[in-house]
C-alpha atoms as a PDB file:
ATOM      1  CA  MET A   1      24.248 -48.124  39.541  1.00  0.00           C
ATOM      2  CA  LYS A   2      22.101 -48.849  36.281  1.00  0.00           C
ATOM      3  CA  LYS A   3      20.048 -45.637  37.439  1.00  0.00           C
ATOM      4  CA  TYR A   4      23.088 -43.438  37.057  1.00  0.00           C
ATOM      5  CA  ILE A   5      23.928 -44.554  33.523  1.00  0.00           C
ATOM      6  CA  ILE A   6      20.323 -43.823  32.342  1.00  0.00           C
ATOM      7  CA  ALA A   7      20.372 -40.807  33.705  1.00  0.00           C
ATOM      8  CA  LEU A   8      23.415 -39.659  32.082  1.00  0.00           C
ATOM      9  CA  VAL A   9      22.904 -41.189  28.754  1.00  0.00           C
ATOM     10  CA  VAL A  10      19.470 -38.974  28.640  1.00  0.00           C
ATOM     11  CA  ILE A  11      21.650 -35.914  29.914  1.00  0.00           C
ATOM     12  CA  LEU A  12      24.225 -36.636  26.738  1.00  0.00           C
ATOM     13  CA  LEU A  13      21.059 -36.730  24.511  1.00  0.00           C
ATOM     14  CA  VAL A  14      19.373 -33.745  25.513  1.00  0.00           C
ATOM     15  CA  GLY A  15      22.464 -31.779  25.844  1.00  0.00           C
ATOM     16  CA  GLY A  16      23.557 -32.757  22.389  1.00  0.00           C
ATOM     17  CA  GLY A  17      20.131 -32.294  20.632  1.00  0.00           C
ATOM     18  CA  VAL A  18      19.428 -28.516  21.417  1.00  0.00           C
ATOM     19  CA  ALA A  19      22.643 -27.652  19.770  1.00  0.00           C
ATOM     20  CA  VAL A  20      22.565 -25.939  16.858  1.00  0.00           C
ATOM     21  CA  ALA A  21      25.156 -26.540  14.150  1.00  0.00           C
ATOM     22  CA  LYS A  22      26.030 -24.143  10.950  1.00  0.00           C
ATOM     23  CA  PHE A  23      28.370 -25.380   8.620  1.00  0.00           C
ATOM     24  CA  GLY A  24      29.356 -23.483   5.315  1.00  0.00           C
ATOM     25  CA  GLY A  25      31.444 -24.306   2.255  1.00  0.00           C
ATOM     26  CA  LEU A  26      29.741 -27.503   1.669  1.00  0.00           C
ATOM     27  CA  GLY A  27      28.517 -28.802  -1.896  1.00  0.00           C
ATOM     28  CA  ASN A  28      26.896 -25.479  -3.795  1.00  0.00           C
ATOM     29  CA  GLY A  29      28.409 -23.165  -0.925  1.00  0.00           C
ATOM     30  CA  ASN A  30      24.882 -23.169   0.775  1.00  0.00           C
ATOM     31  CA  ASN A  31      25.198 -22.675   5.010  1.00  0.00           C
ATOM     32  CA  LEU A  32      23.708 -25.777   6.315  1.00  0.00           C
ATOM     33  CA  VAL A  33      21.648 -25.689   9.665  1.00  0.00           C
ATOM     34  CA  ALA A  34      21.085 -28.441  12.319  1.00  0.00           C
ATOM     35  CA  THR A  35      18.024 -29.410  13.527  1.00  0.00           C
ATOM     36  CA  SER A  36      17.026 -32.805  15.539  1.00  0.00           C
ATOM     37  CA  THR A  37      14.436 -35.224  15.762  1.00  0.00           C
ATOM     38  CA  PRO A  38      12.731 -35.972  19.251  1.00  0.00           C
ATOM     39  CA  VAL A  39      14.147 -38.922  21.612  1.00  0.00           C
ATOM     40  CA  VAL A  40      11.440 -41.030  23.156  1.00  0.00           C
ATOM     41  CA  VAL A  41      12.406 -43.217  26.035  1.00  0.00           C
ATOM     42  CA  SER A  42      10.382 -46.459  27.104  1.00  0.00           C
ATOM     43  CA  ASP A  43       7.703 -44.741  28.532  1.00  0.00           C
ATOM     44  CA  GLY A  44       6.511 -42.329  26.117  1.00  0.00           C
ATOM     45  CA  ASN A  45       7.499 -39.494  27.021  1.00  0.00           C
ATOM     46  CA  THR A  46      10.175 -37.064  24.763  1.00  0.00           C
ATOM     47  CA  VAL A  47      12.982 -36.341  26.695  1.00  0.00           C
ATOM     48  CA  GLY A  48      15.305 -34.148  24.341  1.00  0.00           C
ATOM     49  CA  GLN A  49      16.701 -33.999  20.307  1.00  0.00           C
ATOM     50  CA  ALA A  50      18.997 -36.181  18.641  1.00  0.00           C
ATOM     51  CA  ASN A  51      20.249 -36.782  15.137  1.00  0.00           C
ATOM     52  CA  PRO A  52      20.715 -33.332  13.973  1.00  0.00           C
ATOM     53  CA  ILE A  53      19.673 -33.081  10.684  1.00  0.00           C
ATOM     54  CA  ALA A  54      21.541 -30.429   8.007  1.00  0.00           C
ATOM     55  CA  CYS A  55      18.968 -28.437   6.233  1.00  0.00           C
ATOM     56  CA  THR A  56      20.395 -25.819   3.656  1.00  0.00           C
ATOM     57  CA  GLU A  57      20.053 -22.009   4.962  1.00  0.00           C
ATOM     58  CA  GLU A  58      17.469 -20.535   2.570  1.00  0.00           C
ATOM     59  CA  ALA A  59      15.025 -18.300   2.367  1.00  0.00           C
ATOM     60  CA  LYS A  60      11.785 -18.204   0.714  1.00  0.00           C
ATOM     61  CA  GLN A  61      10.078 -15.003   0.313  1.00  0.00           C
ATOM     62  CA  CYS A  62       6.461 -15.175   0.652  1.00  0.00           C
ATOM     63  CA  PRO A  63       3.781 -13.479  -0.965  1.00  0.00           C
ATOM     64  CA  ASP A  64       3.397 -10.403   2.019  1.00  0.00           C
ATOM     65  CA  GLY A  65       7.030  -9.918   1.402  1.00  0.00           C
ATOM     66  CA  SER A  66       8.576 -11.833   4.628  1.00  0.00           C
ATOM     67  CA  TYR A  67      10.615 -14.668   4.370  1.00  0.00           C
ATOM     68  CA  VAL A  68      10.934 -18.021   5.702  1.00  0.00           C
ATOM     69  CA  GLY A  69      13.147 -20.429   6.309  1.00  0.00           C
ATOM     70  CA  ARG A  70      13.716 -24.313   6.042  1.00  0.00           C
ATOM     71  CA  THR A  71      12.997 -26.320   9.038  1.00  0.00           C
ATOM     72  CA  GLY A  72      12.356 -29.633  10.999  1.00  0.00           C
ATOM     73  CA  PRO A  73      13.099 -33.115  10.218  1.00  0.00           C
ATOM     74  CA  LYS A  74      12.486 -32.966   6.427  1.00  0.00           C
ATOM     75  CA  CYS A  75      14.149 -29.436   5.719  1.00  0.00           C
ATOM     76  CA  GLU A  76      10.907 -28.284   4.537  1.00  0.00           C
ATOM     77  CA  PHE A  77      10.298 -24.244   4.436  1.00  0.00           C
ATOM     78  CA  GLU A  78       7.811 -23.115   7.251  1.00  0.00           C
ATOM     79  CA  LYS A  79       4.345 -21.615   6.429  1.00  0.00           C
ATOM     80  CA  CYS A  80       4.158 -17.986   5.182  1.00  0.00           C
ATOM     81  CA  PRO A  81       2.122 -15.785   7.181  1.00  0.00           C
ATOM     82  CA  THR A  82      -1.683 -16.088   6.799  1.00  0.00           C
ATOM     83  CA  VAL A  83      -2.492 -13.070   4.243  1.00  0.00           C
ATOM     84  CA  THR A  84      -5.795 -11.152   4.358  1.00  0.00           C
ATOM     85  CA  VAL A  85      -6.732  -9.110   1.125  1.00  0.00           C
ATOM     86  CA  SER A  86      -6.800  -5.384   1.672  1.00  0.00           C
ATOM     87  CA  SER A  87     -10.644  -4.307   1.511  1.00  0.00           C
ATOM     88  CA  GLU A  88      -8.894  -1.063  -0.163  1.00  0.00           C
ATOM     89  CA  ALA A  89      -7.093  -2.839  -2.991  1.00  0.00           C
ATOM     90  CA  GLY A  90      -7.636  -0.811  -6.656  1.00  0.00           C
ATOM     91  CA  ILE A  91      -7.373   2.799  -7.606  1.00  0.00           C
ATOM     92  CA  HIS A  92      -7.943   5.753  -5.549  1.00  0.00           C
ATOM     93  CA  THR A  93      -7.956   9.232  -5.575  1.00  0.00           C
ATOM     94  CA  GLY A  94      -6.788  11.692  -3.309  1.00  0.00           C
ATOM     95  CA  TYR A  95      -4.899  14.558  -1.318  1.00  0.00           C
ATOM     96  CA  ILE A  96      -1.472  13.113  -0.706  1.00  0.00           C
ATOM     97  CA  LYS A  97      -1.014  14.834   3.049  1.00  0.00           C
ATOM     98  CA  LYS A  98       2.592  13.297   3.971  1.00  0.00           C
ATOM     99  CA  VAL A  99       5.440  11.480   2.733  1.00  0.00           C
ATOM    100  CA  TYR A 100       8.227   9.819   4.534  1.00  0.00           C
ATOM    101  CA  VAL A 101       9.881   6.702   6.153  1.00  0.00           C
ATOM    102  CA  SER A 102       9.368   4.842   9.302  1.00  0.00           C
ATOM    103  CA  GLY A 103      11.158   1.556   9.885  1.00  0.00           C
ATOM    104  CA  GLY A 104      13.111   1.926   6.972  1.00  0.00           C
ATOM    105  CA  LYS A 105       9.802   1.521   4.938  1.00  0.00           C
ATOM    106  CA  PHE A 106       7.962   4.903   2.618  1.00  0.00           C
ATOM    107  CA  PHE A 107       4.744   5.414   3.759  1.00  0.00           C
ATOM    108  CA  ILE A 108       2.182   8.020   2.205  1.00  0.00           C
ATOM    109  CA  ASP A 109      -0.619   9.602   4.648  1.00  0.00           C
ATOM    110  CA  ILE A 110      -3.690  10.313   2.239  1.00  0.00           C
ATOM    111  CA  ASP A 111      -7.048  11.566   2.101  1.00  0.00           C
ATOM    112  CA  PHE A 112      -9.754  10.127  -0.728  1.00  0.00           C
ATOM    113  CA  ILE A 113     -11.869  12.294  -2.894  1.00  0.00           C
ATOM    114  CA  ASP A 114     -14.134  11.639  -5.651  1.00  0.00           C
ATOM    115  CA  ILE A 115     -13.429  13.330  -8.966  1.00  0.00           C
ATOM    116  CA  LEU A 116     -16.752  14.095 -10.210  1.00  0.00           C
ATOM    117  CA  SER A 117     -18.016  15.895 -13.816  1.00  0.00           C
ATOM    118  CA  GLY A 118     -20.753  16.370 -15.706  1.00  0.00           C
ATOM    119  CA  TYR A 119     -24.145  14.972 -14.533  1.00  0.00           C
ATOM    120  CA  ASP A 120     -22.242  13.910 -11.300  1.00  0.00           C
ATOM    121  CA  ALA A 121     -21.035  16.775 -10.230  1.00  0.00           C
ATOM    122  CA  VAL A 122     -24.249  18.545 -10.595  1.00  0.00           C
ATOM    123  CA  LYS A 123     -26.269  15.946  -8.829  1.00  0.00           C
ATOM    124  CA  ALA A 124     -23.581  16.114  -6.200  1.00  0.00           C
ATOM    125  CA  GLN A 125     -23.258  19.922  -5.610  1.00  0.00           C
ATOM    126  CA  ILE A 126     -26.816  19.698  -5.080  1.00  0.00           C
ATOM    127  CA  GLU A 127     -26.600  16.940  -2.434  1.00  0.00           C
ATOM    128  CA  ASP A 128     -23.903  18.644  -0.496  1.00  0.00           C
ATOM    129  CA  ASN A 129     -24.668  22.557  -1.323  1.00  0.00           C
ATOM    130  CA  GLY A 130     -28.465  22.440  -0.982  1.00  0.00           C
ATOM    131  CA  SER A 131     -30.661  25.116  -2.626  1.00  0.00           C
ATOM    132  CA  TYR A 132     -29.672  28.389  -4.341  1.00  0.00           C
ATOM    133  CA  ASN A 133     -33.045  29.227  -5.413  1.00  0.00           C
ATOM    134  CA  PRO A 134     -35.775  29.759  -2.568  1.00  0.00           C
ATOM    135  CA  SER A 135     -38.289  28.441  -4.982  1.00  0.00           C
ATOM    136  CA  LYS A 136     -36.569  25.426  -5.143  1.00  0.00           C
ATOM    137  CA  SER A 137     -35.931  22.507  -2.781  1.00  0.00           C
ATOM    138  CA  VAL A 138     -33.216  19.985  -3.323  1.00  0.00           C
ATOM    139  CA  ALA A 139     -36.106  17.008  -4.487  1.00  0.00           C
ATOM    140  CA  ASP A 140     -37.204  19.617  -6.698  1.00  0.00           C
ATOM    141  CA  LEU A 141     -33.998  20.424  -8.350  1.00  0.00           C
ATOM    142  CA  LEU A 142     -32.930  16.566  -8.511  1.00  0.00           C
ATOM    143  CA  ASN A 143     -36.183  15.835 -10.168  1.00  0.00           C
ATOM    144  CA  ILE A 144     -35.704  18.357 -12.492  1.00  0.00           C
ATOM    145  CA  LEU A 145     -32.265  16.849 -13.143  1.00  0.00           C
ATOM    146  CA  SER A 146     -33.024  13.118 -13.467  1.00  0.00           C
ATOM    147  CA  SER A 147     -35.221  14.609 -16.613  1.00  0.00           C
ATOM    148  CA  TYR A 148     -32.072  14.633 -18.439  1.00  0.00           C
ATOM    149  CA  ARG A 149     -29.619  11.917 -19.763  1.00  0.00           C
ATOM    150  CA  LYS A 150     -26.452  10.973 -17.635  1.00  0.00           C
ATOM    151  CA  ASP A 151     -24.548  11.765 -20.617  1.00  0.00           C
ATOM    152  CA  VAL A 152     -25.840  15.347 -20.908  1.00  0.00           C
ATOM    153  CA  ASP A 153     -23.591  18.308 -21.723  1.00  0.00           C
ATOM    154  CA  VAL A 154     -23.962  20.557 -18.872  1.00  0.00           C
ATOM    155  CA  TYR A 155     -21.878  23.318 -20.446  1.00  0.00           C
ATOM    156  CA  SER A 156     -24.713  23.577 -23.200  1.00  0.00           C
ATOM    157  CA  ASP A 157     -26.587  27.168 -22.938  1.00  0.00           C
ATOM    158  CA  ALA A 158     -29.835  25.061 -22.499  1.00  0.00           C
ATOM    159  CA  PHE A 159     -28.811  23.762 -19.490  1.00  0.00           C
ATOM    160  CA  GLN A 160     -26.757  26.739 -17.994  1.00  0.00           C
ATOM    161  CA  LYS A 161     -29.604  28.785 -18.246  1.00  0.00           C
ATOM    162  CA  SER A 162     -31.973  26.066 -16.574  1.00  0.00           C
ATOM    163  CA  ASP A 163     -32.294  26.311 -12.658  1.00  0.00           C
ATOM    164  CA  LEU A 164     -29.650  23.824 -12.300  1.00  0.00           C
ATOM    165  CA  GLY A 165     -27.389  25.871 -14.505  1.00  0.00           C
ATOM    166  CA  ALA A 166     -25.845  27.322 -10.877  1.00  0.00           C
ATOM    167  CA  TYR A 167     -24.355  24.093 -10.085  1.00  0.00           C
ATOM    168  CA  VAL A 168     -22.112  23.472 -12.763  1.00  0.00           C
ATOM    169  CA  PRO A 169     -18.525  23.526 -11.641  1.00  0.00           C
ATOM    170  CA  PRO A 170     -16.658  26.115 -13.651  1.00  0.00           C
ATOM    171  CA  ASN A 171     -13.532  24.360 -13.892  1.00  0.00           C
ATOM    172  CA  GLY A 172     -15.048  20.860 -15.263  1.00  0.00           C
ATOM    173  CA  ASN A 173     -14.514  18.752 -12.095  1.00  0.00           C
ATOM    174  CA  TYR A 174     -16.345  19.196  -8.760  1.00  0.00           C
ATOM    175  CA  ASP A 175     -14.026  17.144  -5.889  1.00  0.00           C
ATOM    176  CA  ARG A 176     -16.265  15.793  -3.446  1.00  0.00           C
ATOM    177  CA  ASN A 177     -14.961  14.534   0.270  1.00  0.00           C
ATOM    178  CA  GLN A 178     -17.592  12.843   2.150  1.00  0.00           C
ATOM    179  CA  ASN A 179     -15.131  10.878   4.474  1.00  0.00           C
ATOM    180  CA  SER A 180     -11.887  13.405   5.635  1.00  0.00           C
ATOM    181  CA  LYS A 181     -10.406  10.224   7.770  1.00  0.00           C
ATOM    182  CA  ILE A 182      -6.636  10.509   6.697  1.00  0.00           C
ATOM    183  CA  ARG A 183      -5.261   7.211   5.651  1.00  0.00           C
ATOM    184  CA  THR A 184      -1.980   5.703   5.934  1.00  0.00           C
ATOM    185  CA  PHE A 185      -0.334   2.954   3.467  1.00  0.00           C
ATOM    186  CA  GLU A 186       3.202   1.517   2.912  1.00  0.00           C
ATOM    187  CA  VAL A 187       4.548   2.221  -0.553  1.00  0.00           C
ATOM    188  CA  VAL A 188       6.831  -0.520  -2.298  1.00  0.00           C
ATOM    189  CA  PRO A 189      10.419   1.065  -2.939  1.00  0.00           C
ATOM    190  CA  SER A 190       9.729  -0.409  -6.571  1.00  0.00           C
ATOM    191  CA  ALA A 191       6.539   1.809  -7.049  1.00  0.00           C
ATOM    192  CA  THR A 192       6.103   4.020 -10.299  1.00  0.00           C
ATOM    193  CA  ILE A 193       5.825   7.582  -9.637  1.00  0.00           C
ATOM    194  CA  LYS A 194       4.886  10.216 -12.056  1.00  0.00           C
ATOM    195  CA  THR A 195       4.742  13.650 -11.307  1.00  0.00           C
ATOM    196  CA  THR A 196       3.314  16.616 -13.807  1.00  0.00           C
ATOM    197  CA  ARG A 197       6.592  18.525 -13.783  1.00  0.00           C
ATOM    198  CA  LYS A 198      10.265  17.092 -13.472  1.00  0.00           C
ATOM    199  CA  ILE A 199      11.999  16.889 -10.360  1.00  0.00           C
ATOM    200  CA  THR A 200      15.787  17.701 -10.108  1.00  0.00           C
ATOM    201  CA  ALA A 201      18.635  15.713  -8.318  1.00  0.00           C
ATOM    202  CA  ASN A 202      18.181  18.392  -5.277  1.00  0.00           C
ATOM    203  CA  GLY A 203      14.579  17.690  -4.741  1.00  0.00           C
ATOM    204  CA  ASP A 204      13.584  20.643  -6.789  1.00  0.00           C
ATOM    205  CA  ILE A 205      10.912  21.473  -9.326  1.00  0.00           C
ATOM    206  CA  ASP A 206      12.295  22.001 -12.660  1.00  0.00           C
ATOM    207  CA  THR A 207       9.674  25.400 -13.657  1.00  0.00           C
ATOM    208  CA  ALA A 208      11.785  25.662 -16.886  1.00  0.00           C
ATOM    209  CA  SER A 209      10.337  21.763 -17.610  1.00  0.00           C
ATOM    210  CA  GLY A 210       6.421  23.010 -17.656  1.00  0.00           C
ATOM    211  CA  TYR A 211       3.997  20.651 -16.927  1.00  0.00           C
ATOM    212  CA  ASN A 212       3.526  17.603 -18.497  1.00  0.00           C
ATOM    213  CA  ASN A 213      -0.070  15.797 -18.037  1.00  0.00           C
ATOM    214  CA  GLN A 214       1.389  12.496 -19.215  1.00  0.00           C
ATOM    215  CA  GLY A 215       3.447  12.045 -15.952  1.00  0.00           C
ATOM    216  CA  VAL A 216       6.950  12.382 -15.798  1.00  0.00           C
ATOM    217  CA  ILE A 217       8.683   9.190 -14.248  1.00  0.00           C
ATOM    218  CA  THR A 218      10.618   9.763 -10.722  1.00  0.00           C
ATOM    219  CA  THR A 219      11.931   7.835  -8.319  1.00  0.00           C
ATOM    220  CA  LEU A 220      10.265   7.100  -4.686  1.00  0.00           C
ATOM    221  CA  ALA A 221      13.252   9.126  -3.141  1.00  0.00           C
ATOM    222  CA  LEU A 222      13.038  12.231  -5.198  1.00  0.00           C
ATOM    223  CA  PHE A 223       9.541  12.172  -4.797  1.00  0.00           C
ATOM    224  CA  MET A 224       9.448  12.271  -0.836  1.00  0.00           C
ATOM    225  CA  LYS A 225      12.324  15.046  -1.310  1.00  0.00           C
ATOM    226  CA  ALA A 226      10.324  17.555  -3.551  1.00  0.00           C
ATOM    227  CA  PHE A 227       7.125  16.697  -1.700  1.00  0.00           C
ATOM    228  CA  ASN A 228       9.135  18.071   1.879  1.00  0.00           C
ATOM    229  CA  ASN A 229      10.931  20.876   0.238  1.00  0.00           C
ATOM    230  CA  PRO A 230       8.938  24.017   1.885  1.00  0.00           C
ATOM    231  CA  ASP A 231       9.875  25.766  -1.478  1.00  0.00           C
ATOM    232  CA  ASP A 232       7.641  23.235  -3.551  1.00  0.00           C
ATOM    233  CA  TYR A 233       4.278  23.307  -4.180  1.00  0.00           C
ATOM    234  CA  MET A 234       3.732  19.820  -3.771  1.00  0.00           C
ATOM    235  CA  GLY A 235       3.243  19.317   0.188  1.00  0.00           C
ATOM    236  CA  LYS A 236       0.634  22.414   0.326  1.00  0.00           C
ATOM    237  CA  GLY A 237      -1.616  20.038  -2.020  1.00  0.00           C
ATOM    238  CA  PHE A 238      -0.860  17.124  -4.013  1.00  0.00           C
ATOM    239  CA  LEU A 239      -3.769  15.826  -6.142  1.00  0.00           C
ATOM    240  CA  GLY A 240      -2.565  12.142  -7.096  1.00  0.00           C
ATOM    241  CA  ARG A 241      -4.157   8.693  -8.037  1.00  0.00           C
ATOM    242  CA  ILE A 242      -2.685   5.970  -6.193  1.00  0.00           C
ATOM    243  CA  ASP A 243      -2.468   2.000  -7.376  1.00  0.00           C
ATOM    244  CA  ILE A 244      -3.082  -0.123  -3.886  1.00  0.00           C
ATOM    245  CA  ASN A 245      -2.328  -3.744  -4.262  1.00  0.00           C
ATOM    246  CA  SER A 246      -3.990  -6.471  -3.107  1.00  0.00           C
ATOM    247  CA  PHE A 247      -1.589  -6.392   0.167  1.00  0.00           C
ATOM    248  CA  GLY A 248      -2.596  -3.083   0.884  1.00  0.00           C
ATOM    249  CA  LYS A 249       0.467  -1.389  -0.588  1.00  0.00           C
ATOM    250  CA  VAL A 250       1.043   1.897  -3.024  1.00  0.00           C
ATOM    251  CA  ILE A 251       2.457   0.237  -6.023  1.00  0.00           C
ATOM    252  CA  GLU A 252       1.828   3.451  -8.131  1.00  0.00           C
ATOM    253  CA  ILE A 253       1.502   7.258  -7.509  1.00  0.00           C
ATOM    254  CA  ASN A 254       0.068   9.394 -10.680  1.00  0.00           C
ATOM    255  CA  GLU A 255      -0.181  13.276  -9.891  1.00  0.00           C
ATOM    256  CA  ILE A 256      -3.298  14.588 -11.738  1.00  0.00           C
ATOM    257  CA  PHE A 257      -2.986  17.195 -14.045  1.00  0.00           C
ATOM    258  CA  ARG A 258      -4.390  20.357 -13.261  1.00  0.00           C
ATOM    259  CA  PRO A 259      -3.604  23.386 -15.485  1.00  0.00           C
END
């Protein structure tokens, strides 16, 4: 008979310990969630849970944007997920290929490039395109270039008439794409978006407003709408500068002005 009583007590403890209770309207109005502590019998084995502890049903936002609640006998917040700092954090330039929503989150696909000017643009053109002069090798041209200061005016008459003049970019910049890999990044909803032309509420480009090289602030939703509008230029080649935070998410997009 004594064995049956012990078994019944254990069953009651196990059954009561696993129950989770939720209470509302107590004290400060926070909901309470019951947690439990282990029950240890005489042989040292844990057989169930007992003594429910009511924790306030609060949420703490973690650095990566996720949330954790209180739990355990001390009602402590759960540990936040371990965050790995993105190796691509910082400012990047590239052609945005796609702007879309997936799983309720905004994303962009982008092809990173380097925009070079002056000395660096001439050097990159020689390295990427080879020699236009049969009597000069790439090594010869790079050796000639090395005799100039890095701040040389490549548009001066003397430079233009030299063997290097053919490598001076006509519009002032040389776009270098050494890796055509398309990268995907999440864009935070509060990201700052600046375009060179105003976007209307319908997602159209306001051509009457003209260009603004300082950038016109718009919303992420309108930017996506304009980008995917087949009548607008954005989806055909949007050159922008993006700022990626340490969690690998885009916090700012700036269109690069090219008249």
